[in-house]
Amino acid sequence: MKEALAFFKEIEEITTPLSILMEVGLSYLKLGQNLVKISGGEATRLKLAKELMIKQKQNTIYLIDEPTTGLHFTDIEKLILLFQKLVDFGNTIVLIDHNKQIRQNCDWLIELGPKAAKEGGNVMRQEKITTFHD
């Protein structure tokens, strides 16, 4: 992707999307790569990168389920930065995740339980997080 970015450096319609893909940690993907072979976390980042390309989009609620599954901690950090950009544009993100990095970077935490399926779904705890990390 770096080579493509350098090659198309004069064409903003190509460099902008490529730059966003690199920013969200997908620089290793090859142009024309079959999307059937990407992970769920990669698919989530692709979808969110697409949303970032529409900068004027705001007042949107994103519902996201387990976006960190299978991601390395450095990729999770990039995902958190991506989430923050979407929020900075005036959007809201509601997500389900068990990852500590995600929980530490949310504004409001709601824990459901006490277990899963029929034994879950009750609000066990909710709190405004005051130690938000930029």
Protein backbone atom coordinates (compact mmCIF):
# COMPACT_ATOMS: atom_id res chain seq x y z
CA MET A 1 0.00 0.00 0.00
CA LYS A 2 2.93 2.35 0.66
CA GLU A 3 4.09 1.84 -2.90
CA ALA A 4 0.62 2.63 -4.24
CA LEU A 5 0.46 5.77 -2.09
CA ALA A 6 3.79 6.95 -3.49
CA PHE A 7 2.81 6.07 -7.06
CA PHE A 8 -0.55 7.90 -6.92
CA LYS A 9 0.71 10.81 -4.77
CA GLU A 10 -0.75 13.41 -7.17
CA ILE A 11 -4.27 11.92 -7.21
CA GLU A 12 -6.14 12.90 -4.03
CA GLU A 13 -9.11 10.63 -4.80
CA ILE A 14 -6.73 7.69 -4.43
CA THR A 15 -4.30 8.95 -1.78
CA THR A 16 -6.98 9.97 0.73
CA PRO A 17 -8.52 6.48 1.06
CA LEU A 18 -5.09 4.83 1.05
CA SER A 19 -3.88 7.19 3.79
CA ILE A 20 -6.91 6.40 5.95
CA LEU A 21 -6.36 2.67 5.47
CA MET A 22 -2.76 3.09 6.58
CA GLU A 23 -3.86 5.20 9.54
CA VAL A 24 -6.19 2.46 10.81
CA GLY A 25 -3.45 -0.15 10.59
CA LEU A 26 -4.35 -1.86 7.34
CA SER A 27 -1.26 -0.90 5.36
CA TYR A 28 -0.36 -4.56 4.92
CA LEU A 29 -3.46 -5.25 2.80
CA LYS A 30 -2.81 -5.56 -0.90
CA LEU A 31 -4.81 -3.61 -3.44
CA GLY A 32 -7.30 -5.98 -5.01
CA GLN A 33 -7.03 -8.47 -2.12
CA ASN A 34 -10.01 -10.79 -1.77
CA LEU A 35 -12.03 -9.59 1.22
CA VAL A 36 -13.22 -13.11 1.99
CA LYS A 37 -9.86 -13.79 3.64
CA ILE A 38 -9.81 -10.87 6.11
CA SER A 39 -10.61 -11.18 9.80
CA GLY A 40 -13.62 -9.71 11.55
CA GLY A 41 -11.46 -7.02 13.14
CA GLU A 42 -10.04 -6.10 9.75
CA ALA A 43 -13.55 -5.93 8.28
CA THR A 44 -14.64 -3.61 11.08
CA ARG A 45 -11.69 -1.31 10.48
CA LEU A 46 -12.40 -1.27 6.73
CA LYS A 47 -16.01 -0.28 7.36
CA LEU A 48 -15.03 2.41 9.85
CA ALA A 49 -12.30 3.72 7.53
CA LYS A 50 -14.99 4.09 4.87
CA GLU A 51 -17.02 6.16 7.32
CA LEU A 52 -14.01 8.38 8.01
CA MET A 53 -13.81 9.16 4.31
CA ILE A 54 -17.22 10.84 4.66
CA LYS A 55 -15.97 13.57 7.00
CA GLN A 56 -19.18 15.56 6.96
CA LYS A 57 -21.10 12.57 8.31
CA GLN A 58 -22.19 13.22 11.87
CA ASN A 59 -25.02 12.47 14.27
CA THR A 60 -24.67 8.79 13.44
CA ILE A 61 -24.84 5.98 15.99
CA TYR A 62 -22.49 3.09 15.27
CA LEU A 63 -23.41 -0.25 16.88
CA ILE A 64 -20.35 -2.49 16.89
CA ASP A 65 -20.02 -6.02 18.25
CA GLU A 66 -16.63 -7.31 19.47
CA PRO A 67 -14.37 -5.26 17.16
CA THR A 68 -11.17 -6.32 18.95
CA THR A 69 -11.55 -10.06 18.42
CA GLY A 70 -8.29 -11.42 17.02
CA LEU A 71 -6.50 -8.06 17.02
CA HIS A 72 -3.01 -7.41 18.35
CA PHE A 73 -2.87 -4.75 21.09
CA THR A 74 -1.23 -2.24 18.72
CA ASP A 75 -4.12 -2.71 16.29
CA ILE A 76 -6.55 -2.16 19.16
CA GLU A 77 -4.81 1.16 19.89
CA LYS A 78 -5.33 2.17 16.25
CA LEU A 79 -8.97 1.10 16.48
CA ILE A 80 -9.43 3.28 19.58
CA LEU A 81 -7.98 6.27 17.70
CA LEU A 82 -10.37 5.53 14.85
CA PHE A 83 -13.30 5.46 17.27
CA GLN A 84 -12.17 8.77 18.74
CA LYS A 85 -12.10 10.40 15.31
CA LEU A 86 -15.65 9.28 14.63
CA VAL A 87 -16.73 10.69 18.00
CA ASP A 88 -14.85 13.92 17.31
CA PHE A 89 -16.89 14.28 14.10
CA GLY A 90 -20.04 14.29 16.29
CA ASN A 91 -21.01 10.62 16.19
CA THR A 92 -21.81 8.10 18.93
CA ILE A 93 -20.33 4.63 19.23
CA VAL A 94 -22.05 1.86 21.15
CA LEU A 95 -20.06 -1.33 21.27
CA ILE A 96 -19.92 -4.69 22.92
CA ASP A 97 -16.43 -5.75 23.87
CA HIS A 98 -14.54 -7.45 26.68
CA ASN A 99 -11.20 -5.84 25.97
CA LYS A 100 -9.61 -3.86 28.81
CA GLN A 101 -8.12 -1.24 26.45
CA ILE A 102 -11.57 -0.52 25.06
CA ARG A 103 -13.15 -0.29 28.50
CA GLN A 104 -10.46 2.14 29.65
CA ASN A 105 -11.19 4.46 26.73
CA CYS A 106 -14.95 4.70 26.89
CA ASP A 107 -17.03 7.57 28.23
CA TRP A 108 -19.73 5.42 29.78
CA LEU A 109 -19.52 1.75 30.77
CA ILE A 110 -22.55 -0.50 31.10
CA GLU A 111 -21.99 -4.05 32.27
CA LEU A 112 -24.71 -6.60 31.52
CA GLY A 113 -25.09 -9.98 33.13
CA PRO A 114 -24.90 -11.83 35.35
CA LYS A 115 -24.28 -14.44 32.65
CA ALA A 116 -24.97 -14.80 28.94
CA ALA A 117 -28.10 -15.61 26.92
CA LYS A 118 -31.24 -16.20 29.03
CA GLU A 119 -29.29 -15.63 32.25
CA GLY A 120 -28.01 -12.24 31.11
CA GLY A 121 -29.24 -8.92 29.86
CA ASN A 122 -29.62 -7.27 33.25
CA VAL A 123 -27.74 -4.06 33.97
CA MET A 124 -25.22 -5.12 36.61
CA ARG A 125 -23.22 -1.90 36.72
CA GLN A 126 -23.03 1.41 34.95
CA GLU A 127 -20.66 4.28 35.45
CA LYS A 128 -19.32 7.36 33.75
CA ILE A 129 -15.63 6.87 33.13
CA THR A 130 -13.66 9.89 34.27
CA THR A 131 -10.20 8.60 33.42
CA PHE A 132 -10.68 8.89 29.64
CA HIS A 133 -7.39 8.72 27.72
CA ASP A 134 -6.81 10.95 24.69
